[in-house]
Amino acid sequence: MVIVLRPLKKLFTTNNAFNRMVESGHEFRRVELESVAKMLACGTTMLGSLHYDCSTPGCSHSKVIKTSCKSKLCHSCGQKATERWMMTQGETLPDCEWRHITYTMPDVFWDVFKANRWLLGKLFTIASDTLQQFGRLKKLTLGIFSALHTYGRRLNFNCHIHLSVAAIGVTDKGEIRLFHFPFKALKKQWRYGVISLLRKHFHELTLPAQLAERIKDEKDWRDLLDKQYQKTWQVNIAKKTSHKAHTTQYLGRYLKKPPIAGARLKHYVDESVEIEYLDHRTKKLSDLNLSQFELIARILSHVPEKHFKMIRYYGFLSNRLRGRLLPIIYDKLEQEVEITEGPSYAAMLMGYVKVDPFKCILCGGRMIFNRFEHGAPLGKLISEVNTLANLKRVVI
């Protein structure tokens, strides 16, 4: 019997790659080690387990369900989180037209934000502020949600903001009105906001090596910023979507899952991996060969800092206003809303593999919860990450 490991777990364990990275002195952020430890422990009892017994008298069947890791690096947990997020958004967002906007920046700044991750949160504000200002001029409260993406098709660090804005706004009197905005102003304000941010924080920045060789003082930095300010920045403003589902499906593909799908990991040859990506220039699929070390490093660079919010909400979608304004909008749109917590573990398993996890395989009775066993503390998992990377599947 052949057992196929989860794609990223296989990447980290084949050729003992992750352990060798640790031994080589590669520097990891604390949050990277946490994510790797949880991902490697996923599917084992080291994260805890739930024990079930059959409810049928005389049936001795018992079952152990291992706690999932919920790591950003886990494809299995990422799929579950995506399904839950999309279902929740589908019930929360007003059923109206939406406009999707992608804010990008010149590649010279990508590694600056990678080396100064504390600046990433400010990109959300820059992207949303201009729209909210236009809304205030028209005396409208808008609905905006945005997400940060840090990776390109080649898994390089390419930070950009995806933002969706509702085509309606709500007045102080509770009236619904259509909202239009000037496209060109968005591009100018985004460029101005990012340049101003980098100019303001020069003395606090850690410059990446390739820039540090060129930038000797604040004047050099201002000259670089002025040069980039003169260029055209790509801000893609898509056509209106007729339904909120288009927006949630588009963003849902990226937000909760690892930065690369398992299907894109094509071949392992010696200590290199071939990955497949869509080339933006040719619009065709291309292959890229990377060493395991390089591929692992690229993947881990996209793990967000602990407690960093990758999705943020503004206007009538913000936590401060949604409780008061969303019911008004639902009423005006004649939209019925059902409160949902997302699909359960059993529902998702039934949907994917048509298996009821709480049905006894011996007598057909129902499995009932017996007890929960705690797993190892996160600190212990991190300290034993080398051991986790050497775990082997036992097939009976």
Protein backbone atom coordinates (compact mmCIF):
# COMPACT_ATOMS: atom_id res chain seq x y z
CA MET A 1 0.00 0.00 0.00
CA VAL A 2 1.37 3.42 -0.98
CA ILE A 3 0.75 6.44 1.23
CA VAL A 4 1.18 9.86 -0.42
CA LEU A 5 2.34 12.49 2.03
CA ARG A 6 0.77 15.95 2.09
CA PRO A 7 2.59 17.95 -0.63
CA LEU A 8 4.47 20.44 1.56
CA LYS A 9 5.24 17.84 4.21
CA LYS A 10 6.88 15.78 1.46
CA LEU A 11 8.83 18.84 0.26
CA PHE A 12 10.18 19.54 3.75
CA THR A 13 11.07 15.91 4.56
CA THR A 14 12.41 14.52 1.26
CA ASN A 15 16.23 14.34 1.37
CA ASN A 16 15.95 15.52 4.99
CA ALA A 17 15.83 19.02 3.48
CA PHE A 18 14.38 21.03 6.36
CA ASN A 19 16.72 19.51 8.97
CA ARG A 20 19.68 20.22 6.75
CA MET A 21 18.56 23.84 6.42
CA VAL A 22 18.48 24.10 10.21
CA GLU A 23 21.93 22.52 10.51
CA SER A 24 23.31 24.86 7.84
CA GLY A 25 22.50 27.86 10.03
CA HIS A 26 19.63 29.23 7.94
CA GLU A 27 17.86 31.93 9.96
CA PHE A 28 14.15 31.33 10.50
CA ARG A 29 11.61 33.72 11.96
CA ARG A 30 9.87 32.36 15.05
CA VAL A 31 6.54 32.28 13.19
CA GLU A 32 8.11 30.22 10.40
CA LEU A 33 9.28 27.58 12.86
CA GLU A 34 5.83 27.53 14.48
CA SER A 35 4.13 27.01 11.12
CA VAL A 36 6.55 24.26 10.07
CA ALA A 37 6.21 22.47 13.41
CA LYS A 38 2.41 22.50 13.24
CA MET A 39 2.34 21.46 9.59
CA LEU A 40 4.68 18.53 10.22
CA ALA A 41 2.68 17.46 13.27
CA CYS A 42 -0.66 17.68 11.43
CA GLY A 43 -2.26 14.26 11.16
CA THR A 44 -0.54 13.00 14.32
CA THR A 45 -1.65 12.91 17.96
CA MET A 46 1.04 15.48 18.85
CA LEU A 47 -1.52 18.23 18.31
CA GLY A 48 -4.18 16.50 20.40
CA SER A 49 -6.89 13.99 19.58
CA LEU A 50 -10.61 13.39 20.04
CA HIS A 51 -11.73 9.89 21.03
CA TYR A 52 -15.11 8.44 20.04
CA ASP A 53 -16.86 5.19 20.98
CA CYS A 54 -19.77 3.44 19.25
CA SER A 55 -23.12 4.12 20.91
CA THR A 56 -24.45 0.62 20.11
CA PRO A 57 -24.43 -1.60 23.23
CA GLY A 58 -21.95 -4.43 22.83
CA CYS A 59 -20.06 -2.82 19.92
CA SER A 60 -16.39 -2.35 20.81
CA HIS A 61 -15.45 -0.03 17.96
CA SER A 62 -13.62 3.17 18.89
CA LYS A 63 -12.16 5.94 16.75
CA VAL A 64 -9.48 8.59 17.15
CA ILE A 65 -9.71 11.87 15.22
CA LYS A 66 -6.46 13.83 15.26
CA THR A 67 -6.65 17.59 15.76
CA SER A 68 -5.76 19.63 12.68
CA CYS A 69 -2.91 22.14 12.71
CA LYS A 70 -4.65 25.14 11.06
CA SER A 71 -1.23 26.19 9.79
CA LYS A 72 -0.80 28.53 6.82
CA LEU A 73 1.43 25.84 5.31
CA CYS A 74 -1.06 22.98 5.40
CA HIS A 75 -3.04 22.26 2.23
CA SER A 76 -5.63 20.18 4.07
CA CYS A 77 -6.32 22.77 6.76
CA GLY A 78 -6.12 25.58 4.20
CA GLN A 79 -8.87 23.99 2.12
CA LYS A 80 -11.13 23.68 5.17
CA ALA A 81 -10.45 27.27 6.22
CA THR A 82 -11.16 28.47 2.67
CA GLU A 83 -14.53 26.71 2.53
CA ARG A 84 -15.55 28.21 5.88
CA TRP A 85 -14.40 31.72 4.92
CA MET A 86 -16.19 31.66 1.58
CA MET A 87 -19.42 30.44 3.14
CA THR A 88 -19.27 33.11 5.84
CA GLN A 89 -18.57 35.88 3.30
CA GLY A 90 -21.34 34.60 1.07
CA GLU A 91 -23.84 35.17 3.86
CA THR A 92 -22.38 38.46 5.13
CA LEU A 93 -21.71 40.52 2.00
CA PRO A 94 -24.57 42.50 0.46
CA ASP A 95 -25.87 40.94 -2.73
CA CYS A 96 -24.93 43.74 -5.14
CA GLU A 97 -22.34 44.55 -7.78
CA TRP A 98 -18.71 44.68 -6.64
CA ARG A 99 -15.59 46.23 -8.13
CA HIS A 100 -12.27 44.43 -7.69
CA ILE A 101 -9.05 46.47 -7.62
CA THR A 102 -5.46 45.19 -7.52
CA TYR A 103 -2.81 47.61 -6.26
CA THR A 104 0.79 46.78 -7.24
CA MET A 105 4.13 48.54 -6.85
CA PRO A 106 7.53 48.54 -8.63
CA ASP A 107 9.64 45.45 -7.95
CA VAL A 108 12.42 47.54 -6.39
CA PHE A 109 10.19 47.94 -3.30
CA TRP A 110 9.24 44.29 -2.83
CA ASP A 111 12.27 43.32 -0.76
CA VAL A 112 12.02 46.56 1.22
CA PHE A 113 8.63 45.44 2.54
CA LYS A 114 9.91 41.90 3.02
CA ALA A 115 12.70 43.22 5.26
CA ASN A 116 10.30 45.62 7.05
CA ARG A 117 7.12 43.60 7.52
CA TRP A 118 5.81 46.08 10.09
CA LEU A 119 5.04 48.36 7.11
CA LEU A 120 2.75 45.85 5.37
CA GLY A 121 -0.29 46.70 7.48
CA LYS A 122 -0.10 50.33 6.37
CA LEU A 123 -0.68 49.31 2.74
CA PHE A 124 -4.29 48.42 3.60
CA THR A 125 -4.92 51.96 4.83
CA ILE A 126 -3.34 53.57 1.77
CA ALA A 127 -5.42 51.41 -0.58
CA SER A 128 -8.75 52.01 1.18
CA ASP A 129 -8.42 55.65 2.28
CA THR A 130 -8.86 57.20 -1.17
CA LEU A 131 -12.09 55.29 -1.79
CA GLN A 132 -13.42 56.21 1.64
CA GLN A 133 -12.58 59.87 1.03
CA PHE A 134 -14.57 59.79 -2.23
CA GLY A 135 -17.41 58.18 -0.30
CA ARG A 136 -17.38 60.89 2.36
CA LEU A 137 -17.49 63.60 -0.32
CA LYS A 138 -20.73 62.01 -1.53
CA LYS A 139 -21.86 61.53 2.07
CA LEU A 140 -21.80 57.76 1.71
CA THR A 141 -20.44 55.00 3.92
CA LEU A 142 -18.90 52.41 1.61
CA GLY A 143 -18.33 48.69 2.02
CA ILE A 144 -14.73 47.58 1.45
CA PHE A 145 -12.74 44.48 2.20
CA SER A 146 -9.15 43.90 1.19
CA ALA A 147 -6.48 41.22 1.34
CA LEU A 148 -2.69 41.28 1.23
CA HIS A 149 -0.88 38.93 -1.15
CA THR A 150 2.89 38.65 -0.84
CA TYR A 151 3.76 36.19 -3.58
CA GLY A 152 4.00 36.07 -7.35
CA ARG A 153 3.64 33.08 -9.66
CA ARG A 154 7.31 32.15 -9.12
CA LEU A 155 6.85 32.39 -5.33
CA ASN A 156 9.03 35.49 -5.23
CA PHE A 157 8.11 38.16 -2.68
CA ASN A 158 5.72 40.43 -4.56
CA CYS A 159 3.49 42.34 -2.15
CA HIS A 160 0.25 43.76 -3.51
CA ILE A 161 -3.23 44.54 -2.25
CA HIS A 162 -6.49 43.06 -3.54
CA LEU A 163 -9.47 45.24 -2.66
CA SER A 164 -13.17 44.87 -3.36
CA VAL A 165 -15.61 47.75 -2.99
CA ALA A 166 -19.39 47.52 -3.15
CA ALA A 167 -21.06 49.47 -5.95
CA ILE A 168 -23.41 50.96 -3.35
CA GLY A 169 -23.08 53.14 -0.28
CA VAL A 170 -25.39 54.01 2.58
CA THR A 171 -26.28 57.57 3.64
CA ASP A 172 -26.68 58.85 7.20
CA LYS A 173 -30.46 58.56 6.66
CA GLY A 174 -30.20 54.88 5.76
CA GLU A 175 -30.69 55.34 2.02
CA ILE A 176 -28.86 53.21 -0.56
CA ARG A 177 -27.14 54.96 -3.44
CA LEU A 178 -24.87 53.87 -6.28
CA PHE A 179 -21.20 54.74 -5.87
CA HIS A 180 -18.85 55.74 -8.70
CA PHE A 181 -15.21 56.78 -8.37
CA PRO A 182 -12.54 58.31 -10.66
CA PHE A 183 -10.11 55.58 -11.74
CA LYS A 184 -7.11 57.83 -12.40
CA ALA A 185 -7.25 59.34 -8.92
CA LEU A 186 -6.89 55.90 -7.34
CA LYS A 187 -3.64 55.24 -9.18
CA LYS A 188 -2.17 58.61 -8.26
CA GLN A 189 -3.16 58.37 -4.60
CA TRP A 190 -1.81 54.83 -4.24
CA ARG A 191 1.54 55.80 -5.73
CA TYR A 192 1.71 58.94 -3.59
CA GLY A 193 0.77 57.03 -0.44
CA VAL A 194 3.41 54.30 -0.82
CA ILE A 195 6.17 56.78 -1.72
CA SER A 196 5.25 59.02 1.23
CA LEU A 197 5.28 56.01 3.56
CA LEU A 198 8.77 54.94 2.48
CA ARG A 199 10.08 58.51 2.59
CA LYS A 200 8.71 59.08 6.10
CA HIS A 201 10.24 55.94 7.61
CA PHE A 202 13.67 55.98 5.96
CA HIS A 203 15.60 56.10 9.25
CA GLU A 204 13.69 53.10 10.58
CA LEU A 205 14.11 50.91 7.51
CA THR A 206 16.29 47.86 7.14
CA LEU A 207 17.39 47.98 3.51
CA PRO A 208 17.93 44.70 1.62
CA ALA A 209 21.54 44.01 0.60
CA GLN A 210 21.18 45.00 -3.06
CA LEU A 211 19.73 48.40 -2.10
CA ALA A 212 22.05 49.00 0.84
CA GLU A 213 24.98 49.02 -1.59
CA ARG A 214 23.38 51.88 -3.55
CA ILE A 215 21.66 53.89 -0.81
CA LYS A 216 24.25 55.59 1.37
CA ASP A 217 22.14 58.37 2.86
CA GLU A 218 18.69 59.93 2.86
CA LYS A 219 19.41 61.89 -0.31
CA ASP A 220 20.09 58.68 -2.23
CA TRP A 221 16.85 57.27 -0.90
CA ARG A 222 14.84 60.32 -1.93
CA ASP A 223 16.41 60.22 -5.40
CA LEU A 224 15.33 56.58 -5.78
CA LEU A 225 11.81 57.36 -4.60
CA ASP A 226 11.52 60.33 -6.96
CA LYS A 227 12.61 58.17 -9.88
CA GLN A 228 10.02 55.50 -9.05
CA TYR A 229 7.34 58.15 -8.56
CA GLN A 230 7.76 59.22 -12.19
CA LYS A 231 6.97 55.72 -13.44
CA THR A 232 3.54 54.27 -14.21
CA TRP A 233 2.31 51.99 -11.44
CA GLN A 234 -0.04 49.18 -12.33
CA VAL A 235 -3.41 49.45 -10.60
CA ASN A 236 -5.83 47.02 -12.21
CA ILE A 237 -9.48 48.01 -11.89
CA ALA A 238 -11.61 45.11 -13.06
CA LYS A 239 -15.09 45.28 -14.50
CA LYS A 240 -17.98 45.15 -12.08
CA THR A 241 -19.02 41.69 -11.03
CA SER A 242 -22.73 40.99 -11.00
CA HIS A 243 -22.64 39.01 -7.79
CA LYS A 244 -20.62 38.86 -4.56
CA ALA A 245 -19.77 35.18 -5.23
CA HIS A 246 -17.29 36.17 -7.94
CA THR A 247 -15.29 38.24 -5.48
CA THR A 248 -15.27 35.70 -2.64
CA GLN A 249 -14.30 32.88 -4.98
CA TYR A 250 -11.44 34.89 -6.47
CA LEU A 251 -9.95 35.89 -3.13
CA GLY A 252 -10.78 32.60 -1.42
CA ARG A 253 -8.40 30.72 -3.70
CA TYR A 254 -5.40 32.46 -2.16
CA LEU A 255 -6.14 33.70 1.34
CA LYS A 256 -6.11 30.62 3.54
CA LYS A 257 -4.03 28.16 1.53
CA PRO A 258 -0.25 27.73 1.16
CA PRO A 259 1.33 29.94 -1.53
CA ILE A 260 1.71 27.00 -3.90
CA ALA A 261 -0.72 24.23 -4.80
CA GLY A 262 0.48 20.67 -4.48
CA ALA A 263 -0.27 20.06 -8.17
CA ARG A 264 2.38 22.63 -9.13
CA LEU A 265 5.17 20.59 -7.50
CA LYS A 266 5.96 18.50 -10.56
CA HIS A 267 9.27 16.65 -10.18
CA TYR A 268 11.88 15.95 -7.50
CA VAL A 269 15.30 15.34 -9.06
CA ASP A 270 18.17 14.84 -6.62
CA GLU A 271 17.80 17.97 -4.45
CA SER A 272 15.90 20.18 -6.88
CA VAL A 273 12.19 20.61 -7.51
CA GLU A 274 10.45 21.64 -10.70
CA ILE A 275 7.41 23.86 -10.26
CA GLU A 276 4.88 24.98 -12.82
CA TYR A 277 3.64 28.56 -13.14
CA LEU A 278 1.69 30.75 -15.54
CA ASP A 279 3.96 33.28 -17.21
CA HIS A 280 2.21 36.67 -17.29
CA ARG A 281 4.10 37.76 -20.40
CA THR A 282 3.53 34.71 -22.61
CA LYS A 283 0.23 33.61 -20.97
CA LYS A 284 1.59 30.06 -21.13
CA LEU A 285 2.60 27.52 -18.51
CA SER A 286 6.34 27.48 -17.79
CA ASP A 287 8.59 25.42 -15.54
CA LEU A 288 11.03 26.68 -12.94
CA ASN A 289 13.72 24.57 -11.27
CA LEU A 290 14.69 25.46 -7.70
CA SER A 291 16.72 23.70 -5.06
CA GLN A 292 14.70 22.37 -2.14
CA PHE A 293 16.40 24.90 0.12
CA GLU A 294 15.41 27.81 -2.12
CA LEU A 295 11.85 26.60 -2.59
CA ILE A 296 11.36 26.06 1.15
CA ALA A 297 12.82 29.51 1.88
CA ARG A 298 10.49 31.14 -0.65
CA ILE A 299 7.43 29.39 0.77
CA LEU A 300 8.30 30.31 4.37
CA SER A 301 8.87 33.96 3.44
CA HIS A 302 5.11 34.24 2.83
CA VAL A 303 4.09 33.10 6.30
CA PRO A 304 2.63 36.27 7.89
CA GLU A 305 3.76 37.55 11.26
CA LYS A 306 1.82 36.24 14.22
CA HIS A 307 -1.56 37.97 14.74
CA PHE A 308 -1.17 39.89 11.45
CA LYS A 309 -4.57 40.31 9.80
CA MET A 310 -4.33 39.34 6.12
CA ILE A 311 -7.95 40.39 5.50
CA ARG A 312 -9.35 43.74 6.66
CA TYR A 313 -12.78 45.36 6.47
CA TYR A 314 -13.80 49.00 6.19
CA GLY A 315 -16.95 51.12 6.11
CA PHE A 316 -20.21 49.25 6.62
CA LEU A 317 -18.27 45.96 6.69
CA SER A 318 -16.09 47.05 9.62
CA ASN A 319 -16.71 45.53 13.03
CA ARG A 320 -17.68 48.97 14.35
CA LEU A 321 -20.46 49.61 11.82
CA ARG A 322 -21.64 46.29 10.38
CA GLY A 323 -23.98 45.51 13.26
CA ARG A 324 -25.90 48.76 12.67
CA LEU A 325 -25.64 49.29 8.90
CA LEU A 326 -25.74 45.80 7.36
CA PRO A 327 -29.33 45.09 8.53
CA ILE A 328 -30.40 48.35 6.88
CA ILE A 329 -28.69 47.37 3.62
CA TYR A 330 -30.14 43.83 3.71
CA ASP A 331 -33.61 45.34 4.17
CA LYS A 332 -33.22 47.81 1.28
CA LEU A 333 -31.90 45.07 -1.01
CA GLU A 334 -34.58 42.64 0.18
CA GLN A 335 -31.82 40.19 0.98
CA GLU A 336 -32.49 37.32 3.37
CA VAL A 337 -29.50 36.43 5.51
CA GLU A 338 -28.91 33.18 7.33
CA ILE A 339 -26.39 33.10 10.15
CA THR A 340 -23.81 30.38 9.44
CA GLU A 341 -20.61 29.17 11.07
CA GLY A 342 -19.35 27.36 8.00
CA PRO A 343 -19.41 23.65 7.17
CA SER A 344 -18.56 21.21 9.95
CA TYR A 345 -15.85 18.57 9.82
CA ALA A 346 -18.44 15.88 9.14
CA ALA A 347 -20.18 17.92 6.41
CA MET A 348 -16.92 18.59 4.55
CA LEU A 349 -15.87 14.93 4.72
CA MET A 350 -19.26 13.88 3.39
CA GLY A 351 -18.96 16.45 0.60
CA TYR A 352 -15.48 15.42 -0.53
CA VAL A 353 -15.26 11.65 -0.03
CA LYS A 354 -18.89 10.71 0.73
CA VAL A 355 -17.93 9.25 4.10
CA ASP A 356 -19.78 9.88 7.37
CA PRO A 357 -16.98 10.03 9.96
CA PHE A 358 -19.41 9.42 12.83
CA LYS A 359 -20.91 6.23 11.44
CA CYS A 360 -19.58 3.04 13.02
CA ILE A 361 -17.86 0.89 10.39
CA LEU A 362 -18.73 -2.29 12.29
CA CYS A 363 -22.42 -2.02 13.10
CA GLY A 364 -23.56 1.20 11.41
CA GLY A 365 -24.36 2.90 14.73
CA ARG A 366 -23.35 6.42 15.74
CA MET A 367 -19.99 7.30 17.23
CA ILE A 368 -20.22 9.48 20.34
CA PHE A 369 -17.56 11.69 21.90
CA ASN A 370 -15.68 10.14 24.81
CA ARG A 371 -12.71 12.35 25.67
CA PHE A 372 -10.12 14.80 24.38
CA GLU A 373 -6.40 14.24 24.85
CA HIS A 374 -4.17 17.31 24.78
CA GLY A 375 -1.20 17.44 22.47
CA ALA A 376 2.25 18.84 23.07
CA PRO A 377 2.63 22.59 23.77
CA LEU A 378 3.71 24.67 20.78
CA GLY A 379 7.06 25.42 22.38
CA LYS A 380 7.79 21.71 22.65
CA LEU A 381 6.79 21.14 19.03
CA ILE A 382 9.22 23.85 17.93
CA SER A 383 12.04 22.45 20.03
CA GLU A 384 11.44 19.04 18.47
CA VAL A 385 10.87 20.24 14.90
CA ASN A 386 13.89 18.22 13.73
CA THR A 387 12.32 15.06 15.12
CA LEU A 388 9.00 15.89 13.46
CA ALA A 389 10.75 16.27 10.12
CA ASN A 390 11.96 12.67 10.44
CA LEU A 391 8.59 11.12 11.27
CA LYS A 392 7.57 8.26 9.00
CA ARG A 393 4.06 7.05 8.21
CA VAL A 394 3.31 3.68 9.67
CA VAL A 395 1.14 1.58 7.36
CA ILE A 396 -0.68 -1.39 8.89
